[in-house]
Amino acid sequence: PLMTGQIEFENVSFSFNGRKIVLEGLSLKFKSNKFYGIVGKSGSGKSTILDLIAGFFKPQKGRVLIDGVDLEDVDISTWLSQVGVISQEALIFSGTIEDNICFGVDAENRNLDRMMKAANIAYANEFIDSLPQGYQTMVGERGVKLSAGQRQRLAIARAVYRDLPVLIFDEATSALDAVSELKVQRAIENLHGKRTVIVVAHRLVTISKADHIFVLEDGRVVEEGRHKKLKAGQGVYSRLCTKQSLE
């Protein structure tokens, strides 16, 4: 069954080998169809949150709840089939653009209208239309070389085509140039209200339109709220904004 994509951390603590505490007494709530940002210095626990959501690790204390059910009681393959993760290294398979967007769906069962809509939402249609054979252009090892930003937009289109309720962006734009970053950012904004979107960002501009931002430091949430409110404060987020000269 499709899940609504509500995720909750209930007093979660996590450490590697019982030594360095990565998360401590963390309580967070990601409501379905909202857009969340997670920021913090390297080592603040951002990636660990994503690993716990994906069930790669289990918390030593507390619980991770999916739609109110403890993740330990959820069939992990069912859950992971509903979560799309887009990272710096977006996976591209050898085949056509169509094969990549409709990955896992047999050619005769593909809905081409839905595929094009997914490409539109992901801001991928503009570069696809300029390729020699459009959606039939070969990419991957023997095909056209795509830029990092194009690969990411293709990965977003794939997740949209699969209609996944949860999309996680893990530092996805940190290696992109400003123009590509803006396009991926627009794609993320297009998903706003239609999916649970969680963006771990180094550059704050990517999450400035989020419904809610969690600011992490040493495994705890030190600030949270919307961009405008956090920027007006005197805390970690405000200092990051100044550093990145963000309005």
Protein backbone atom coordinates (compact mmCIF):
# COMPACT_ATOMS: atom_id res chain seq x y z
CA PRO A 1 0.00 0.00 0.00
CA LEU A 2 1.15 3.55 -0.71
CA MET A 3 2.21 5.34 2.43
CA THR A 4 1.39 8.98 3.09
CA GLY A 5 5.03 9.76 3.74
CA GLN A 6 4.76 11.12 7.28
CA ILE A 7 8.01 10.50 9.16
CA GLU A 8 8.64 11.12 12.83
CA PHE A 9 11.74 10.84 15.02
CA GLU A 10 10.77 10.24 18.62
CA ASN A 11 13.59 11.01 21.04
CA VAL A 12 16.18 9.31 18.81
CA SER A 13 19.78 8.80 19.90
CA PHE A 14 22.41 7.20 17.72
CA SER A 15 26.13 6.59 17.98
CA PHE A 16 28.63 4.59 15.95
CA ASN A 17 29.99 1.62 17.95
CA GLY A 18 28.66 3.25 21.11
CA ARG A 19 31.47 5.82 20.94
CA LYS A 20 30.89 9.15 19.24
CA ILE A 21 27.31 10.28 19.76
CA VAL A 22 25.95 11.45 16.40
CA LEU A 23 22.34 12.18 17.37
CA GLU A 24 21.10 12.82 20.87
CA GLY A 25 17.45 12.84 21.98
CA LEU A 26 16.33 14.03 18.56
CA SER A 27 12.61 14.62 17.96
CA LEU A 28 11.55 15.73 14.47
CA LYS A 29 8.37 15.50 12.46
CA PHE A 30 8.15 15.51 8.67
CA LYS A 31 4.49 15.88 7.71
CA SER A 32 3.32 14.45 4.41
CA ASN A 33 3.45 16.67 1.31
CA LYS A 34 5.51 19.36 3.04
CA PHE A 35 8.96 20.62 2.05
CA TYR A 36 11.66 20.40 4.73
CA GLY A 37 15.23 21.63 4.82
CA ILE A 38 18.00 20.23 7.03
CA VAL A 39 21.18 22.27 7.48
CA GLY A 40 24.21 22.09 9.69
CA LYS A 41 27.96 21.83 9.58
CA SER A 42 29.66 18.67 8.39
CA GLY A 43 29.37 16.07 11.17
CA SER A 44 26.23 17.60 12.69
CA GLY A 45 24.20 14.44 12.00
CA LYS A 46 22.41 15.37 8.75
CA SER A 47 23.39 12.25 6.80
CA THR A 48 22.67 9.99 9.76
CA ILE A 49 19.06 11.24 9.80
CA LEU A 50 18.72 10.14 6.17
CA ASP A 51 20.33 6.76 6.92
CA LEU A 52 17.86 6.21 9.77
CA ILE A 53 14.90 7.17 7.54
CA ALA A 54 16.12 4.61 4.99
CA GLY A 55 16.45 1.97 7.71
CA PHE A 56 20.20 1.49 7.07
CA PHE A 57 20.80 2.00 10.80
CA LYS A 58 18.61 1.50 13.85
CA PRO A 59 18.50 4.04 16.67
CA GLN A 60 19.96 2.91 19.99
CA LYS A 61 17.26 4.89 21.76
CA GLY A 62 13.91 6.21 20.60
CA ARG A 63 11.95 5.32 17.48
CA VAL A 64 11.60 6.30 13.83
CA LEU A 65 7.91 6.20 12.89
CA ILE A 66 6.53 5.94 9.36
CA ASP A 67 2.85 6.91 9.21
CA GLY A 68 2.78 6.33 12.98
CA VAL A 69 4.27 2.81 12.78
CA ASP A 70 7.72 1.97 14.16
CA LEU A 71 10.07 1.50 11.20
CA GLU A 72 11.27 -1.75 12.81
CA ASP A 73 7.75 -3.14 12.25
CA VAL A 74 7.49 -1.93 8.64
CA ASP A 75 8.54 -4.14 5.74
CA ILE A 76 11.73 -2.33 4.75
CA SER A 77 11.60 -3.21 1.04
CA THR A 78 8.02 -1.87 0.82
CA TRP A 79 9.11 1.34 2.51
CA LEU A 80 12.24 1.81 0.39
CA SER A 81 10.23 1.25 -2.79
CA GLN A 82 8.40 4.48 -1.89
CA VAL A 83 11.41 6.65 -1.13
CA GLY A 84 13.47 8.36 -3.82
CA VAL A 85 16.97 9.52 -2.87
CA ILE A 86 18.70 12.01 -5.14
CA SER A 87 22.35 12.57 -4.27
CA GLN A 88 25.34 14.27 -5.91
CA GLU A 89 25.97 11.12 -7.93
CA ALA A 90 22.61 10.62 -9.64
CA LEU A 91 22.46 7.13 -11.16
CA ILE A 92 22.07 6.90 -14.91
CA PHE A 93 21.54 3.55 -16.60
CA SER A 94 22.78 2.61 -20.07
CA GLY A 95 19.78 2.95 -22.36
CA THR A 96 17.53 5.69 -23.69
CA ILE A 97 16.28 8.72 -21.77
CA GLU A 98 12.87 7.01 -21.79
CA ASP A 99 14.39 3.84 -20.27
CA ASN A 100 15.90 5.98 -17.53
CA ILE A 101 12.72 7.84 -16.61
CA CYS A 102 10.52 4.72 -16.81
CA PHE A 103 13.13 2.49 -15.18
CA GLY A 104 11.69 -0.84 -14.04
CA VAL A 105 8.59 -0.58 -16.25
CA ASP A 106 8.34 -2.79 -19.37
CA ALA A 107 8.22 -0.87 -22.65
CA GLU A 108 4.62 -1.93 -23.40
CA ASN A 109 3.38 -0.73 -19.98
CA ARG A 110 4.93 2.73 -20.10
CA ASN A 111 2.74 5.80 -20.02
CA LEU A 112 4.49 8.29 -22.30
CA ASP A 113 2.21 11.17 -21.35
CA ARG A 114 3.08 10.61 -17.69
CA MET A 115 6.77 10.36 -18.63
CA MET A 116 6.70 13.76 -20.34
CA LYS A 117 4.83 15.33 -17.43
CA ALA A 118 7.48 13.93 -15.06
CA ALA A 119 10.25 15.42 -17.24
CA ASN A 120 8.41 18.74 -17.20
CA ILE A 121 8.13 18.83 -13.41
CA ALA A 122 11.83 17.93 -13.14
CA TYR A 123 12.86 20.71 -15.56
CA ALA A 124 14.43 17.98 -17.70
CA ASN A 125 12.28 18.48 -20.81
CA GLU A 126 14.31 21.46 -22.04
CA PHE A 127 17.59 19.56 -22.34
CA ILE A 128 15.85 16.35 -23.52
CA ASP A 129 14.18 18.25 -26.37
CA SER A 130 17.58 19.54 -27.51
CA LEU A 131 19.11 16.02 -27.68
CA PRO A 132 19.55 14.40 -31.13
CA GLN A 133 16.79 11.81 -30.65
CA GLY A 134 14.91 13.41 -27.76
CA TYR A 135 13.56 10.74 -25.40
CA GLN A 136 15.08 7.99 -27.58
CA THR A 137 18.63 9.37 -27.19
CA MET A 138 21.03 6.81 -25.74
CA VAL A 139 22.74 7.81 -22.50
CA GLY A 140 25.04 6.00 -20.10
CA GLU A 141 28.30 4.27 -20.97
CA ARG A 142 27.94 4.31 -24.75
CA GLY A 143 25.59 7.23 -25.08
CA VAL A 144 25.47 11.00 -24.82
CA LYS A 145 27.37 12.34 -21.82
CA LEU A 146 25.04 14.26 -19.54
CA SER A 147 26.17 16.99 -17.15
CA ALA A 148 25.78 16.51 -13.38
CA GLY A 149 22.74 18.82 -13.34
CA GLN A 150 21.10 16.97 -16.24
CA ARG A 151 21.67 13.61 -14.53
CA GLN A 152 20.02 14.92 -11.39
CA ARG A 153 17.00 16.28 -13.23
CA LEU A 154 16.66 12.90 -14.95
CA ALA A 155 16.76 11.20 -11.53
CA ILE A 156 14.04 13.59 -10.28
CA ALA A 157 11.91 12.78 -13.37
CA ARG A 158 12.34 9.06 -12.60
CA ALA A 159 11.14 9.56 -9.01
CA VAL A 160 8.16 11.66 -10.19
CA TYR A 161 7.23 9.05 -12.82
CA ARG A 162 7.22 6.38 -10.10
CA ASP A 163 4.96 8.66 -8.03
CA LEU A 164 7.01 8.17 -4.87
CA PRO A 165 5.48 9.80 -1.76
CA VAL A 166 8.89 10.70 -0.25
CA LEU A 167 11.80 12.39 -2.01
CA ILE A 168 15.10 13.00 -0.26
CA PHE A 169 17.78 15.27 -1.70
CA ASP A 170 21.15 14.61 -0.08
CA GLU A 171 23.47 17.56 -0.77
CA ALA A 172 22.23 17.11 -4.33
CA THR A 173 23.19 20.55 -5.62
CA SER A 174 26.54 21.02 -3.90
CA ALA A 175 28.61 20.07 -6.97
CA LEU A 176 26.53 22.03 -9.50
CA ASP A 177 27.19 25.39 -11.12
CA ALA A 178 24.75 28.22 -10.32
CA VAL A 179 22.58 27.79 -13.45
CA SER A 180 22.16 24.02 -12.98
CA GLU A 181 21.54 24.50 -9.28
CA LEU A 182 18.73 26.95 -10.02
CA LYS A 183 17.06 24.43 -12.33
CA VAL A 184 17.24 21.62 -9.76
CA GLN A 185 15.95 24.09 -7.16
CA ARG A 186 12.97 24.91 -9.42
CA ALA A 187 12.32 21.19 -9.87
CA ILE A 188 12.25 20.80 -6.07
CA GLU A 189 9.84 23.74 -5.80
CA ASN A 190 7.60 22.10 -8.44
CA LEU A 191 7.21 19.12 -6.08
CA HIS A 192 6.11 21.37 -3.22
CA GLY A 193 2.78 20.21 -1.79
CA LYS A 194 2.73 17.03 -3.89
CA ARG A 195 5.29 14.92 -2.00
CA THR A 196 7.12 14.84 1.30
CA VAL A 197 10.35 16.53 0.24
CA ILE A 198 13.40 16.51 2.54
CA VAL A 199 16.43 18.47 1.37
CA VAL A 200 19.78 18.26 3.14
CA ALA A 201 21.55 21.32 1.86
CA HIS A 202 24.91 22.96 2.10
CA ARG A 203 23.75 26.00 0.15
CA LEU A 204 20.82 27.64 1.91
CA VAL A 205 19.31 29.05 -1.27
CA THR A 206 18.13 25.49 -2.08
CA ILE A 207 15.88 25.40 1.00
CA SER A 208 14.92 29.06 1.40
CA LYS A 209 11.35 28.27 0.28
CA ALA A 210 10.93 25.26 2.60
CA ASP A 211 7.87 25.00 4.88
CA HIS A 212 10.17 24.21 7.79
CA ILE A 213 13.94 24.13 8.30
CA PHE A 214 15.81 22.16 10.98
CA VAL A 215 19.23 23.52 11.95
CA LEU A 216 21.48 20.84 13.45
CA GLU A 217 24.53 21.17 15.63
CA ASP A 218 26.24 18.23 17.35
CA GLY A 219 23.30 15.90 16.78
CA ARG A 220 20.64 18.23 18.17
CA VAL A 221 18.18 20.67 16.62
CA VAL A 222 19.37 24.09 17.77
CA GLU A 223 16.94 26.16 15.67
CA GLU A 224 13.91 25.49 13.51
CA GLY A 225 11.35 27.42 11.52
CA ARG A 226 11.02 29.18 8.18
CA HIS A 227 13.88 30.89 6.36
CA LYS A 228 12.66 34.42 7.08
CA LYS A 229 12.27 33.84 10.82
CA LEU A 230 15.61 32.03 11.17
CA LYS A 231 17.46 34.64 9.13
CA ALA A 232 16.11 37.40 11.38
CA GLY A 233 17.44 35.57 14.46
CA GLN A 234 20.94 35.83 15.84
CA GLY A 235 21.78 32.14 15.61
CA VAL A 236 23.60 29.58 13.50
CA TYR A 237 21.28 29.96 10.49
CA SER A 238 21.53 33.73 10.42
CA ARG A 239 25.34 33.49 10.47
CA LEU A 240 25.25 30.96 7.61
CA CYS A 241 23.05 33.36 5.60
CA THR A 242 25.55 36.17 6.12
CA LYS A 243 28.41 33.87 5.14
CA GLN A 244 26.61 32.84 1.94
CA SER A 245 25.33 36.43 1.42
CA LEU A 246 21.74 35.21 1.15
CA GLU A 247 18.82 37.62 1.39
